[in-house]
Amino acid sequence: MENLSIAAGKEIYDRSIEIINSLLVKNKHFHGGYSDTEKNIVKRVIHASSDISYADTVFFTGNSAFNSISLLKKKLISKEAVKIVCDSKMTQAGISTTVNRDIIVNSATYIGLDEKDLHDSLTLCASRYDFPDKLDYCKHKDHARLTRSALSIRAAIIENLPDFIVIGNAPTALTETIGICKYLHNHISYKPALVVGMPAGFVGADLAKNNLKNDPFFSAIGNTGNSGGSPAAAAVINALFSESFL
């Protein structure tokens, strides 16, 4: 029964991609602006969102698609887990471990933790890495200016030092990701292999995504505009998994 279900699901997906291809025949940006691998990623985002406009808004910086796939293949060979931090449980749930069953995935999201747990996590990490300004950086009044999403992604990134950071819901989480990654790079030379920035919203989403797009520090995949969401962000990772078979 499982094999029949998988076969039916693949037929539906393949048919969906055929329809998406037909809708993109005359799209000059799609055909002229992306590599073949990038096109596959964009099409998976369109499939997950049912929004053809992503063909004009998805961006890739820092050779992100190629480098991310190369990293995944190295992880496959060494049988290491790829570490992923997500901004929400919805984003985390959308990442499929069945797209490429050989990839070991270690994913985390801290959005469900209460403020005390987040504070304790940040304080412990600051002590572990001996940040020179740890008391200022992790003090309570600093937390008070952050949204729960931003505070959660800060704690998750510091504690896990992930390969991939995936933001599909909160613009404030993406803004915090940009800041905390640079902070960590300055102090412990950490840099994520990939940031996926696809939060949706009318307040701050487009600005945060454009800041990511225009920052040469990051290897990123995202989209411009107000649209986005967990399905689109997770679809990027699923597409990378699909492109990473040895």
C-alpha atoms as a PDB file:
ATOM      1  CA  MET A   1       0.000   0.000   0.000  1.00  0.00           C
ATOM      2  CA  GLU A   2       2.850   2.402   0.851  1.00  0.00           C
ATOM      3  CA  ASN A   3       4.481   1.877  -2.531  1.00  0.00           C
ATOM      4  CA  LEU A   4       1.192   2.557  -4.284  1.00  0.00           C
ATOM      5  CA  SER A   5       0.811   5.745  -2.268  1.00  0.00           C
ATOM      6  CA  ILE A   6       4.330   6.879  -3.131  1.00  0.00           C
ATOM      7  CA  ALA A   7       3.765   6.112  -6.809  1.00  0.00           C
ATOM      8  CA  ALA A   8       0.517   8.070  -6.850  1.00  0.00           C
ATOM      9  CA  GLY A   9       2.171  10.998  -5.090  1.00  0.00           C
ATOM     10  CA  LYS A  10       4.999  11.055  -7.623  1.00  0.00           C
ATOM     11  CA  GLU A  11       2.542  11.001 -10.526  1.00  0.00           C
ATOM     12  CA  ILE A  12       0.694  13.979  -9.055  1.00  0.00           C
ATOM     13  CA  TYR A  13       3.942  15.859  -8.498  1.00  0.00           C
ATOM     14  CA  ASP A  14       5.204  15.124 -12.032  1.00  0.00           C
ATOM     15  CA  ARG A  15       1.886  16.252 -13.509  1.00  0.00           C
ATOM     16  CA  SER A  16       2.037  19.426 -11.432  1.00  0.00           C
ATOM     17  CA  ILE A  17       5.516  20.191 -12.745  1.00  0.00           C
ATOM     18  CA  GLU A  18       4.264  19.675 -16.306  1.00  0.00           C
ATOM     19  CA  ILE A  19       1.549  22.252 -15.691  1.00  0.00           C
ATOM     20  CA  ILE A  20       4.039  24.664 -14.102  1.00  0.00           C
ATOM     21  CA  ASN A  21       6.361  24.251 -17.106  1.00  0.00           C
ATOM     22  CA  SER A  22       3.503  25.090 -19.451  1.00  0.00           C
ATOM     23  CA  LEU A  23       2.723  28.246 -17.476  1.00  0.00           C
ATOM     24  CA  LEU A  24       6.346  29.363 -17.619  1.00  0.00           C
ATOM     25  CA  VAL A  25       6.948  28.857 -21.338  1.00  0.00           C
ATOM     26  CA  LYS A  26       6.898  32.588 -22.084  1.00  0.00           C
ATOM     27  CA  ASN A  27       8.475  33.794 -18.843  1.00  0.00           C
ATOM     28  CA  LYS A  28      11.715  35.455 -19.939  1.00  0.00           C
ATOM     29  CA  HIS A  29      12.960  36.066 -16.396  1.00  0.00           C
ATOM     30  CA  PHE A  30      12.580  32.417 -15.449  1.00  0.00           C
ATOM     31  CA  HIS A  31      14.296  31.069 -18.541  1.00  0.00           C
ATOM     32  CA  GLY A  32      17.010  33.723 -18.709  1.00  0.00           C
ATOM     33  CA  GLY A  33      17.672  34.382 -15.048  1.00  0.00           C
ATOM     34  CA  TYR A  34      18.198  30.954 -13.508  1.00  0.00           C
ATOM     35  CA  SER A  35      20.454  27.953 -13.971  1.00  0.00           C
ATOM     36  CA  ASP A  36      18.809  24.572 -14.537  1.00  0.00           C
ATOM     37  CA  THR A  37      19.249  23.679 -10.871  1.00  0.00           C
ATOM     38  CA  GLU A  38      17.815  27.018  -9.763  1.00  0.00           C
ATOM     39  CA  LYS A  39      14.844  26.486 -12.079  1.00  0.00           C
ATOM     40  CA  ASN A  40      14.116  23.175 -10.357  1.00  0.00           C
ATOM     41  CA  ILE A  41      14.180  24.900  -6.979  1.00  0.00           C
ATOM     42  CA  VAL A  42      11.877  27.680  -8.151  1.00  0.00           C
ATOM     43  CA  LYS A  43       9.442  25.169  -9.620  1.00  0.00           C
ATOM     44  CA  ARG A  44       9.313  23.271  -6.334  1.00  0.00           C
ATOM     45  CA  VAL A  45       8.512  26.526  -4.537  1.00  0.00           C
ATOM     46  CA  ILE A  46       5.745  27.223  -7.045  1.00  0.00           C
ATOM     47  CA  HIS A  47       4.402  23.709  -6.576  1.00  0.00           C
ATOM     48  CA  ALA A  48       4.354  24.096  -2.771  1.00  0.00           C
ATOM     49  CA  SER A  49       2.675  27.505  -2.873  1.00  0.00           C
ATOM     50  CA  SER A  50       0.528  27.290  -6.032  1.00  0.00           C
ATOM     51  CA  ASP A  51       1.885  30.765  -6.820  1.00  0.00           C
ATOM     52  CA  ILE A  52       3.439  31.177 -10.252  1.00  0.00           C
ATOM     53  CA  SER A  53       4.747  34.656  -9.357  1.00  0.00           C
ATOM     54  CA  TYR A  54       7.738  33.112  -7.574  1.00  0.00           C
ATOM     55  CA  ALA A  55       9.235  32.630 -11.036  1.00  0.00           C
ATOM     56  CA  ASP A  56       9.888  36.379 -11.015  1.00  0.00           C
ATOM     57  CA  THR A  57      10.785  36.964  -7.371  1.00  0.00           C
ATOM     58  CA  VAL A  58      13.073  34.164  -6.126  1.00  0.00           C
ATOM     59  CA  PHE A  59      16.721  35.171  -5.792  1.00  0.00           C
ATOM     60  CA  PHE A  60      19.958  33.230  -5.344  1.00  0.00           C
ATOM     61  CA  THR A  61      23.108  34.864  -3.967  1.00  0.00           C
ATOM     62  CA  GLY A  62      26.621  33.645  -3.321  1.00  0.00           C
ATOM     63  CA  ASN A  63      26.285  30.652  -5.652  1.00  0.00           C
ATOM     64  CA  SER A  64      23.894  29.336  -3.011  1.00  0.00           C
ATOM     65  CA  ALA A  65      22.267  26.478  -4.902  1.00  0.00           C
ATOM     66  CA  PHE A  66      25.519  24.904  -6.088  1.00  0.00           C
ATOM     67  CA  ASN A  67      27.295  25.347  -2.754  1.00  0.00           C
ATOM     68  CA  SER A  68      24.374  23.972  -0.739  1.00  0.00           C
ATOM     69  CA  ILE A  69      24.100  20.885  -2.913  1.00  0.00           C
ATOM     70  CA  SER A  70      27.857  20.357  -2.684  1.00  0.00           C
ATOM     71  CA  LEU A  71      27.642  20.529   1.115  1.00  0.00           C
ATOM     72  CA  LEU A  72      24.772  18.040   1.202  1.00  0.00           C
ATOM     73  CA  LYS A  73      26.717  15.599  -0.956  1.00  0.00           C
ATOM     74  CA  LYS A  74      29.733  15.895   1.338  1.00  0.00           C
ATOM     75  CA  LYS A  75      27.449  15.185   4.301  1.00  0.00           C
ATOM     76  CA  LEU A  76      26.097  12.149   2.492  1.00  0.00           C
ATOM     77  CA  ILE A  77      29.560  10.772   1.843  1.00  0.00           C
ATOM     78  CA  SER A  78      30.709  11.329   5.417  1.00  0.00           C
ATOM     79  CA  LYS A  79      27.338  10.240   6.851  1.00  0.00           C
ATOM     80  CA  GLU A  80      27.098  13.455   8.847  1.00  0.00           C
ATOM     81  CA  ALA A  81      23.824  15.164   9.679  1.00  0.00           C
ATOM     82  CA  VAL A  82      22.960  18.455   8.060  1.00  0.00           C
ATOM     83  CA  LYS A  83      22.032  20.854  10.855  1.00  0.00           C
ATOM     84  CA  ILE A  84      18.989  23.009  10.144  1.00  0.00           C
ATOM     85  CA  VAL A  85      17.400  25.698  12.304  1.00  0.00           C
ATOM     86  CA  CYS A  86      13.897  26.919  11.457  1.00  0.00           C
ATOM     87  CA  ASP A  87      11.935  29.919  12.653  1.00  0.00           C
ATOM     88  CA  SER A  88       8.711  27.989  13.242  1.00  0.00           C
ATOM     89  CA  LYS A  89       7.309  24.521  13.720  1.00  0.00           C
ATOM     90  CA  MET A  90       5.410  24.892  10.444  1.00  0.00           C
ATOM     91  CA  THR A  91       8.627  25.532   8.555  1.00  0.00           C
ATOM     92  CA  GLN A  92      10.321  22.616  10.294  1.00  0.00           C
ATOM     93  CA  ALA A  93       7.381  20.286   9.572  1.00  0.00           C
ATOM     94  CA  GLY A  94       7.477  21.170   5.870  1.00  0.00           C
ATOM     95  CA  ILE A  95      11.013  19.849   5.427  1.00  0.00           C
ATOM     96  CA  SER A  96      10.691  16.301   4.132  1.00  0.00           C
ATOM     97  CA  THR A  97      13.130  13.577   5.105  1.00  0.00           C
ATOM     98  CA  THR A  98      11.645  11.305   2.425  1.00  0.00           C
ATOM     99  CA  VAL A  99      12.757  13.394  -0.570  1.00  0.00           C
ATOM    100  CA  ASN A 100      16.239  11.973  -0.168  1.00  0.00           C
ATOM    101  CA  ARG A 101      16.225   9.284   2.511  1.00  0.00           C
ATOM    102  CA  ASP A 102      20.029   9.077   2.562  1.00  0.00           C
ATOM    103  CA  ILE A 103      20.382  12.578   4.006  1.00  0.00           C
ATOM    104  CA  ILE A 104      20.569  12.695   7.795  1.00  0.00           C
ATOM    105  CA  VAL A 105      18.658  15.719   9.050  1.00  0.00           C
ATOM    106  CA  ASN A 106      19.049  17.328  12.452  1.00  0.00           C
ATOM    107  CA  SER A 107      16.483  20.125  12.608  1.00  0.00           C
ATOM    108  CA  ALA A 108      15.469  22.398  15.456  1.00  0.00           C
ATOM    109  CA  THR A 109      13.148  25.278  16.226  1.00  0.00           C
ATOM    110  CA  TYR A 110      13.017  27.105  19.542  1.00  0.00           C
ATOM    111  CA  ILE A 111       9.789  29.005  18.942  1.00  0.00           C
ATOM    112  CA  GLY A 112       7.919  26.882  21.514  1.00  0.00           C
ATOM    113  CA  LEU A 113      10.280  27.650  24.402  1.00  0.00           C
ATOM    114  CA  ASP A 114       9.210  30.143  27.046  1.00  0.00           C
ATOM    115  CA  GLU A 115      11.227  33.276  27.748  1.00  0.00           C
ATOM    116  CA  LYS A 116      13.038  31.830  30.744  1.00  0.00           C
ATOM    117  CA  ASP A 117      14.242  28.817  28.759  1.00  0.00           C
ATOM    118  CA  LEU A 118      15.393  31.097  25.942  1.00  0.00           C
ATOM    119  CA  HIS A 119      17.187  33.362  28.400  1.00  0.00           C
ATOM    120  CA  ASP A 120      18.881  30.378  30.052  1.00  0.00           C
ATOM    121  CA  SER A 121      19.934  29.006  26.664  1.00  0.00           C
ATOM    122  CA  LEU A 122      21.435  32.324  25.599  1.00  0.00           C
ATOM    123  CA  THR A 123      23.227  32.820  28.905  1.00  0.00           C
ATOM    124  CA  LEU A 124      24.737  29.327  28.755  1.00  0.00           C
ATOM    125  CA  CYS A 125      25.884  29.788  25.162  1.00  0.00           C
ATOM    126  CA  ALA A 126      27.377  33.192  25.918  1.00  0.00           C
ATOM    127  CA  SER A 127      29.354  31.607  28.736  1.00  0.00           C
ATOM    128  CA  ARG A 128      30.426  28.681  26.555  1.00  0.00           C
ATOM    129  CA  TYR A 129      31.860  30.926  23.847  1.00  0.00           C
ATOM    130  CA  ASP A 130      33.069  33.611  26.254  1.00  0.00           C
ATOM    131  CA  PHE A 131      31.687  36.479  24.198  1.00  0.00           C
ATOM    132  CA  PRO A 132      33.524  39.628  25.258  1.00  0.00           C
ATOM    133  CA  ASP A 133      30.268  41.584  25.614  1.00  0.00           C
ATOM    134  CA  LYS A 134      28.170  38.645  26.823  1.00  0.00           C
ATOM    135  CA  LEU A 135      26.580  40.510  29.736  1.00  0.00           C
ATOM    136  CA  ASP A 136      25.363  43.299  27.462  1.00  0.00           C
ATOM    137  CA  TYR A 137      24.380  40.945  24.642  1.00  0.00           C
ATOM    138  CA  CYS A 138      22.254  38.574  26.686  1.00  0.00           C
ATOM    139  CA  LYS A 139      20.856  40.814  29.393  1.00  0.00           C
ATOM    140  CA  HIS A 140      17.101  40.877  29.912  1.00  0.00           C
ATOM    141  CA  LYS A 141      16.398  44.370  28.603  1.00  0.00           C
ATOM    142  CA  ASP A 142      17.993  43.361  25.299  1.00  0.00           C
ATOM    143  CA  HIS A 143      15.471  40.522  25.088  1.00  0.00           C
ATOM    144  CA  ALA A 144      12.612  42.923  25.766  1.00  0.00           C
ATOM    145  CA  ARG A 145      13.127  44.728  22.471  1.00  0.00           C
ATOM    146  CA  LEU A 146      12.889  41.497  20.465  1.00  0.00           C
ATOM    147  CA  THR A 147       9.855  39.610  19.216  1.00  0.00           C
ATOM    148  CA  ARG A 148       9.495  36.020  20.391  1.00  0.00           C
ATOM    149  CA  SER A 149      10.434  34.859  16.889  1.00  0.00           C
ATOM    150  CA  ALA A 150      13.637  36.911  16.886  1.00  0.00           C
ATOM    151  CA  LEU A 151      14.643  35.792  20.367  1.00  0.00           C
ATOM    152  CA  SER A 152      13.926  32.165  19.480  1.00  0.00           C
ATOM    153  CA  ILE A 153      15.986  32.201  16.301  1.00  0.00           C
ATOM    154  CA  ARG A 154      18.822  33.932  18.148  1.00  0.00           C
ATOM    155  CA  ALA A 155      18.942  31.173  20.768  1.00  0.00           C
ATOM    156  CA  ALA A 156      18.592  28.391  18.193  1.00  0.00           C
ATOM    157  CA  ILE A 157      21.406  29.708  16.006  1.00  0.00           C
ATOM    158  CA  ILE A 158      23.833  30.306  18.875  1.00  0.00           C
ATOM    159  CA  GLU A 159      23.223  26.907  20.419  1.00  0.00           C
ATOM    160  CA  ASN A 160      23.193  24.831  17.212  1.00  0.00           C
ATOM    161  CA  LEU A 161      25.479  26.745  14.808  1.00  0.00           C
ATOM    162  CA  PRO A 162      23.464  25.273  11.922  1.00  0.00           C
ATOM    163  CA  ASP A 163      24.466  24.648   8.324  1.00  0.00           C
ATOM    164  CA  PHE A 164      21.127  25.941   7.025  1.00  0.00           C
ATOM    165  CA  ILE A 165      18.861  28.587   8.555  1.00  0.00           C
ATOM    166  CA  VAL A 166      15.318  28.563   7.190  1.00  0.00           C
ATOM    167  CA  ILE A 167      12.953  31.501   7.770  1.00  0.00           C
ATOM    168  CA  GLY A 168       9.416  31.049   6.473  1.00  0.00           C
ATOM    169  CA  ASN A 169       7.220  33.035   8.844  1.00  0.00           C
ATOM    170  CA  ALA A 170       8.668  35.959  10.751  1.00  0.00           C
ATOM    171  CA  PRO A 171      10.426  38.950   9.164  1.00  0.00           C
ATOM    172  CA  THR A 172      11.890  39.792  12.585  1.00  0.00           C
ATOM    173  CA  ALA A 173      13.499  36.331  12.687  1.00  0.00           C
ATOM    174  CA  LEU A 174      15.203  37.035   9.376  1.00  0.00           C
ATOM    175  CA  THR A 175      16.427  40.433  10.546  1.00  0.00           C
ATOM    176  CA  GLU A 176      17.792  38.844  13.725  1.00  0.00           C
ATOM    177  CA  THR A 177      19.416  36.062  11.680  1.00  0.00           C
ATOM    178  CA  ILE A 178      21.352  38.622   9.659  1.00  0.00           C
ATOM    179  CA  GLY A 179      22.561  40.358  12.797  1.00  0.00           C
ATOM    180  CA  ILE A 180      23.381  37.353  14.964  1.00  0.00           C
ATOM    181  CA  CYS A 181      25.260  35.527  12.199  1.00  0.00           C
ATOM    182  CA  LYS A 182      27.558  38.509  11.719  1.00  0.00           C
ATOM    183  CA  TYR A 183      28.032  38.790  15.473  1.00  0.00           C
ATOM    184  CA  LEU A 184      28.994  35.127  15.688  1.00  0.00           C
ATOM    185  CA  HIS A 185      31.300  35.423  12.704  1.00  0.00           C
ATOM    186  CA  ASN A 186      33.153  38.269  14.382  1.00  0.00           C
ATOM    187  CA  HIS A 187      33.589  36.341  17.632  1.00  0.00           C
ATOM    188  CA  ILE A 188      33.827  32.638  16.734  1.00  0.00           C
ATOM    189  CA  SER A 189      34.142  32.654  12.901  1.00  0.00           C
ATOM    190  CA  TYR A 190      30.759  30.958  12.426  1.00  0.00           C
ATOM    191  CA  LYS A 191      28.968  31.463   9.125  1.00  0.00           C
ATOM    192  CA  PRO A 192      25.936  29.509   7.886  1.00  0.00           C
ATOM    193  CA  ALA A 193      26.279  27.693   4.587  1.00  0.00           C
ATOM    194  CA  LEU A 194      22.819  28.903   3.561  1.00  0.00           C
ATOM    195  CA  VAL A 195      20.084  31.248   4.735  1.00  0.00           C
ATOM    196  CA  VAL A 196      16.635  30.724   3.236  1.00  0.00           C
ATOM    197  CA  GLY A 197      14.659  33.934   3.677  1.00  0.00           C
ATOM    198  CA  MET A 198      11.007  33.708   2.674  1.00  0.00           C
ATOM    199  CA  PRO A 199       8.915  35.259   5.458  1.00  0.00           C
ATOM    200  CA  ALA A 200       5.519  36.635   4.484  1.00  0.00           C
ATOM    201  CA  GLY A 201       3.972  39.857   5.688  1.00  0.00           C
ATOM    202  CA  PHE A 202       3.201  43.502   5.072  1.00  0.00           C
ATOM    203  CA  VAL A 203       5.417  44.844   7.857  1.00  0.00           C
ATOM    204  CA  GLY A 204       9.119  44.367   7.346  1.00  0.00           C
ATOM    205  CA  ALA A 205       9.085  41.260   5.162  1.00  0.00           C
ATOM    206  CA  ASP A 206      10.211  42.807   1.884  1.00  0.00           C
ATOM    207  CA  LEU A 207      12.792  44.985   3.660  1.00  0.00           C
ATOM    208  CA  ALA A 208      14.292  42.032   5.546  1.00  0.00           C
ATOM    209  CA  LYS A 209      14.474  39.934   2.383  1.00  0.00           C
ATOM    210  CA  ASN A 210      16.063  42.724   0.376  1.00  0.00           C
ATOM    211  CA  ASN A 211      18.626  43.222   3.136  1.00  0.00           C
ATOM    212  CA  LEU A 212      19.470  39.526   2.857  1.00  0.00           C
ATOM    213  CA  LYS A 213      19.605  39.679  -0.922  1.00  0.00           C
ATOM    214  CA  ASN A 214      21.956  42.658  -0.974  1.00  0.00           C
ATOM    215  CA  ASP A 215      24.324  41.465   1.760  1.00  0.00           C
ATOM    216  CA  PRO A 216      27.395  39.798   0.208  1.00  0.00           C
ATOM    217  CA  PHE A 217      28.208  38.103   3.527  1.00  0.00           C
ATOM    218  CA  PHE A 218      25.464  35.524   2.995  1.00  0.00           C
ATOM    219  CA  SER A 219      24.869  32.668   0.620  1.00  0.00           C
ATOM    220  CA  ALA A 220      21.104  32.955   0.362  1.00  0.00           C
ATOM    221  CA  ILE A 221      17.921  31.871  -1.351  1.00  0.00           C
ATOM    222  CA  GLY A 222      14.851  34.020  -0.865  1.00  0.00           C
ATOM    223  CA  ASN A 223      12.201  36.059  -2.590  1.00  0.00           C
ATOM    224  CA  THR A 224      11.316  39.707  -2.817  1.00  0.00           C
ATOM    225  CA  GLY A 225       7.905  41.159  -2.033  1.00  0.00           C
ATOM    226  CA  ASN A 226       5.326  40.484   0.675  1.00  0.00           C
ATOM    227  CA  SER A 227       4.560  36.875  -0.210  1.00  0.00           C
ATOM    228  CA  GLY A 228       6.311  33.883   1.295  1.00  0.00           C
ATOM    229  CA  GLY A 229       5.593  31.418   4.073  1.00  0.00           C
ATOM    230  CA  SER A 230       6.600  28.099   5.531  1.00  0.00           C
ATOM    231  CA  PRO A 231       5.617  25.952   2.509  1.00  0.00           C
ATOM    232  CA  ALA A 232       7.778  28.042   0.174  1.00  0.00           C
ATOM    233  CA  ALA A 233      10.784  28.123   2.517  1.00  0.00           C
ATOM    234  CA  ALA A 234      10.603  24.397   3.251  1.00  0.00           C
ATOM    235  CA  ALA A 235      10.241  23.677  -0.467  1.00  0.00           C
ATOM    236  CA  VAL A 236      13.663  25.242  -1.069  1.00  0.00           C
ATOM    237  CA  ILE A 237      15.271  22.730   1.290  1.00  0.00           C
ATOM    238  CA  ASN A 238      13.277  19.856  -0.198  1.00  0.00           C
ATOM    239  CA  ALA A 239      14.431  20.873  -3.661  1.00  0.00           C
ATOM    240  CA  LEU A 240      18.050  20.944  -2.506  1.00  0.00           C
ATOM    241  CA  PHE A 241      17.598  17.468  -1.023  1.00  0.00           C
ATOM    242  CA  SER A 242      16.158  16.284  -4.343  1.00  0.00           C
ATOM    243  CA  GLU A 243      19.155  17.678  -6.228  1.00  0.00           C
ATOM    244  CA  SER A 244      21.694  16.028  -3.910  1.00  0.00           C
ATOM    245  CA  PHE A 245      21.564  12.351  -4.819  1.00  0.00           C
ATOM    246  CA  LEU A 246      25.023  10.852  -5.280  1.00  0.00           C
END
